[in-house]
Amino acid sequence: MDRDRKLIRKIKKKSDKDAANELISIYYKEIYAYVYKQTMDKELSMDLTQEIFINLLKSIYSYDEKKASFRTWLYKVATYRLVDYYRSKYYRYNSMTVSIDQFDIYDKEDIGITLENKADVEKIVSIVNRLDTSAQQIFRLKFFTDYTFLEISNVLGIPESTVKTRYYSMIKKIKRKFEEG
């Protein structure tokens, strides 16, 4: 935390590139993993992660450490970017043309299991993408980062009870739609 504060101060006061690079290097793998779990695409995840850190550096002057920890704020920036991506025309167009070449098969995994798991994740993400922005944010923070309801409440600035209610309601919708189609 202290290290983050020092780096952020250097970035805000002096536009210190070394401090920016260090701050990015601290969180890059964590944010990349968060993005990858949702996209299941290495190249896309790298691109989105880069965009997230560009957005972060552009908006770091608006970061207020009194409102949230830097990590919490970073996940909020990342979640907004992911929601924007899944609402984009680019995503909708490309999701209609999925090629078998896009699937990553590692080691000696059974290709059927790998494709089935990827298809399930894509189906769930597709369902989530049709939900309102608030529901998407709650789902992504809970499912892909394992945040607690209190942490999600802090990130989104809404009461914990509201987060719980929306989460459980959303899970019911997702299960129902997943089973339907």
Protein backbone atom coordinates (compact mmCIF):
# COMPACT_ATOMS: atom_id res chain seq x y z
CA MET A 1 0.00 0.00 0.00
CA ASP A 2 2.69 2.49 0.99
CA ARG A 3 4.67 1.59 -2.11
CA ASP A 4 1.59 2.20 -4.27
CA ARG A 5 0.99 5.60 -2.64
CA LYS A 6 4.59 6.69 -3.21
CA LEU A 7 4.50 5.64 -6.84
CA ILE A 8 1.15 7.33 -7.44
CA ARG A 9 2.41 10.57 -5.87
CA LYS A 10 5.47 10.51 -8.15
CA ILE A 11 3.27 9.94 -11.17
CA LYS A 12 0.83 12.71 -10.20
CA LYS A 13 3.47 15.29 -9.24
CA LYS A 14 6.30 14.64 -11.70
CA SER A 15 4.72 12.44 -14.42
CA ASP A 16 7.47 10.00 -13.44
CA LYS A 17 7.70 7.29 -16.12
CA ASP A 18 9.78 4.95 -13.94
CA ALA A 19 7.17 5.11 -11.21
CA ALA A 20 4.43 4.41 -13.77
CA ASN A 21 6.34 1.42 -15.14
CA GLU A 22 6.91 0.06 -11.64
CA LEU A 23 3.26 0.46 -10.69
CA ILE A 24 2.18 -1.32 -13.88
CA SER A 25 4.68 -4.14 -13.35
CA ILE A 26 3.31 -4.74 -9.84
CA TYR A 27 -0.24 -5.30 -11.08
CA TYR A 28 0.18 -6.42 -14.70
CA LYS A 29 0.04 -10.20 -14.20
CA GLU A 30 -2.90 -9.96 -11.80
CA ILE A 31 -4.97 -7.79 -14.15
CA TYR A 32 -3.97 -9.88 -17.17
CA ALA A 33 -5.19 -13.03 -15.35
CA TYR A 34 -8.45 -11.27 -14.47
CA VAL A 35 -8.99 -10.33 -18.11
CA TYR A 36 -7.90 -13.71 -19.48
CA LYS A 37 -10.35 -15.61 -17.27
CA GLN A 38 -13.11 -13.65 -18.98
CA THR A 39 -11.90 -13.68 -22.57
CA MET A 40 -10.04 -17.00 -22.77
CA ASP A 41 -7.95 -15.37 -25.52
CA LYS A 42 -4.26 -14.58 -24.98
CA GLU A 43 -3.84 -11.84 -27.59
CA LEU A 44 -7.10 -10.12 -26.75
CA SER A 45 -6.28 -10.26 -23.04
CA MET A 46 -2.91 -8.66 -23.67
CA ASP A 47 -4.55 -5.89 -25.72
CA LEU A 48 -7.27 -5.22 -23.16
CA THR A 49 -4.77 -5.27 -20.28
CA GLN A 50 -2.66 -2.71 -22.11
CA GLU A 51 -5.74 -0.54 -22.67
CA ILE A 52 -6.65 -0.84 -19.00
CA PHE A 53 -3.24 0.46 -17.93
CA ILE A 54 -3.36 3.25 -20.50
CA ASN A 55 -6.78 4.28 -19.13
CA LEU A 56 -5.39 4.00 -15.62
CA LEU A 57 -2.49 6.34 -16.36
CA LYS A 58 -4.78 8.83 -18.11
CA SER A 59 -7.18 8.90 -15.17
CA ILE A 60 -4.76 8.48 -12.26
CA TYR A 61 -5.13 12.16 -11.40
CA SER A 62 -8.75 11.47 -10.45
CA TYR A 63 -7.78 8.60 -8.13
CA ASP A 64 -8.62 9.42 -4.50
CA GLU A 65 -7.00 7.13 -1.94
CA LYS A 66 -9.59 8.20 0.63
CA LYS A 67 -12.37 6.56 -1.39
CA ALA A 68 -10.72 3.22 -2.20
CA SER A 69 -7.42 1.38 -2.25
CA PHE A 70 -5.48 1.60 -5.48
CA ARG A 71 -6.04 -2.10 -6.18
CA THR A 72 -9.80 -1.70 -5.75
CA TRP A 73 -9.79 1.33 -8.05
CA LEU A 74 -7.70 -0.55 -10.63
CA TYR A 75 -10.20 -3.42 -10.69
CA LYS A 76 -12.99 -0.91 -11.18
CA VAL A 77 -11.15 0.54 -14.20
CA ALA A 78 -10.56 -2.99 -15.54
CA THR A 79 -14.17 -4.03 -15.03
CA TYR A 80 -15.48 -0.96 -16.84
CA ARG A 81 -13.13 -1.67 -19.75
CA LEU A 82 -14.32 -5.28 -19.99
CA VAL A 83 -17.96 -4.23 -19.93
CA ASP A 84 -17.23 -1.71 -22.70
CA TYR A 85 -15.45 -4.37 -24.75
CA TYR A 86 -18.33 -6.83 -24.52
CA ARG A 87 -20.77 -4.13 -25.57
CA SER A 88 -18.66 -3.06 -28.55
CA LYS A 89 -19.56 -3.66 -32.18
CA TYR A 90 -16.13 -5.28 -32.61
CA TYR A 91 -16.97 -7.98 -30.06
CA ARG A 92 -20.44 -8.62 -31.45
CA TYR A 93 -19.06 -8.97 -34.98
CA ASN A 94 -16.14 -11.20 -34.01
CA SER A 95 -18.21 -13.40 -31.72
CA MET A 96 -20.24 -14.45 -34.75
CA THR A 97 -17.14 -15.77 -36.52
CA VAL A 98 -15.28 -18.05 -34.10
CA SER A 99 -12.68 -20.35 -35.59
CA ILE A 100 -11.39 -23.63 -34.15
CA ASP A 101 -7.88 -22.17 -34.61
CA GLN A 102 -8.58 -19.73 -31.80
CA PHE A 103 -8.71 -22.47 -29.18
CA ASP A 104 -5.54 -22.96 -27.16
CA ILE A 105 -4.81 -26.59 -26.35
CA TYR A 106 -2.13 -27.13 -23.73
CA ASP A 107 -0.06 -30.24 -23.05
CA LYS A 108 -2.01 -33.47 -23.38
CA GLU A 109 -5.42 -32.22 -22.33
CA ASP A 110 -8.41 -33.90 -23.91
CA ILE A 111 -9.46 -31.54 -26.71
CA GLY A 112 -13.13 -32.33 -26.09
CA ILE A 113 -12.95 -31.26 -22.45
CA THR A 114 -11.01 -28.12 -23.33
CA LEU A 115 -13.50 -27.09 -26.01
CA GLU A 116 -16.48 -27.93 -23.78
CA ASN A 117 -15.10 -25.86 -20.87
CA LYS A 118 -14.32 -22.96 -23.16
CA ALA A 119 -17.78 -23.18 -24.71
CA ASP A 120 -19.41 -23.14 -21.25
CA VAL A 121 -17.39 -20.10 -20.19
CA GLU A 122 -18.25 -18.32 -23.44
CA LYS A 123 -21.93 -19.17 -22.99
CA ILE A 124 -21.93 -17.79 -19.43
CA VAL A 125 -20.04 -14.65 -20.50
CA SER A 126 -22.53 -14.20 -23.35
CA ILE A 127 -25.41 -14.34 -20.86
CA VAL A 128 -23.65 -11.93 -18.50
CA ASN A 129 -22.96 -9.52 -21.38
CA ARG A 130 -26.69 -9.07 -21.87
CA LEU A 131 -27.18 -7.97 -18.25
CA ASP A 132 -27.13 -4.34 -17.16
CA THR A 133 -23.76 -2.74 -16.39
CA SER A 134 -24.15 -2.96 -12.61
CA ALA A 135 -24.95 -6.67 -12.73
CA GLN A 136 -22.00 -7.30 -15.05
CA GLN A 137 -19.65 -5.51 -12.69
CA ILE A 138 -20.87 -7.48 -9.69
CA PHE A 139 -20.58 -10.77 -11.56
CA ARG A 140 -17.08 -10.07 -12.88
CA LEU A 141 -15.75 -8.93 -9.51
CA LYS A 142 -17.27 -11.88 -7.66
CA PHE A 143 -16.63 -14.63 -10.21
CA PHE A 144 -13.29 -13.64 -11.71
CA THR A 145 -11.55 -11.98 -8.74
CA ASP A 146 -13.23 -13.73 -5.82
CA TYR A 147 -13.98 -10.40 -4.17
CA THR A 148 -16.20 -10.51 -1.10
CA PHE A 149 -19.56 -8.75 -1.15
CA LEU A 150 -18.10 -6.04 1.08
CA GLU A 151 -15.18 -5.48 -1.32
CA ILE A 152 -17.57 -5.28 -4.28
CA SER A 153 -19.69 -2.85 -2.28
CA ASN A 154 -16.61 -0.65 -1.75
CA VAL A 155 -15.57 -0.81 -5.42
CA LEU A 156 -19.02 0.08 -6.75
CA GLY A 157 -20.05 2.41 -3.95
CA ILE A 158 -23.35 0.64 -3.22
CA PRO A 159 -24.58 -1.04 -0.02
CA GLU A 160 -23.39 -4.59 0.64
CA SER A 161 -26.99 -5.81 0.97
CA THR A 162 -27.74 -4.46 -2.53
CA VAL A 163 -24.71 -6.27 -3.92
CA LYS A 164 -25.87 -9.56 -2.35
CA THR A 165 -29.44 -9.17 -3.59
CA ARG A 166 -28.33 -8.33 -7.13
CA TYR A 167 -25.77 -11.14 -7.16
CA TYR A 168 -28.13 -13.91 -6.11
CA SER A 169 -30.88 -12.65 -8.41
CA MET A 170 -28.40 -12.55 -11.28
CA ILE A 171 -27.10 -16.06 -10.56
CA LYS A 172 -30.66 -17.40 -10.79
CA LYS A 173 -31.10 -15.66 -14.17
CA ILE A 174 -27.79 -16.97 -15.46
CA LYS A 175 -28.57 -20.55 -14.40
CA ARG A 176 -32.00 -20.40 -15.98
CA LYS A 177 -30.74 -18.99 -19.28
CA PHE A 178 -27.79 -21.42 -19.31
CA GLU A 179 -30.13 -24.39 -18.92
CA GLU A 180 -32.54 -23.04 -21.55
CA GLY A 181 -30.10 -22.68 -24.30
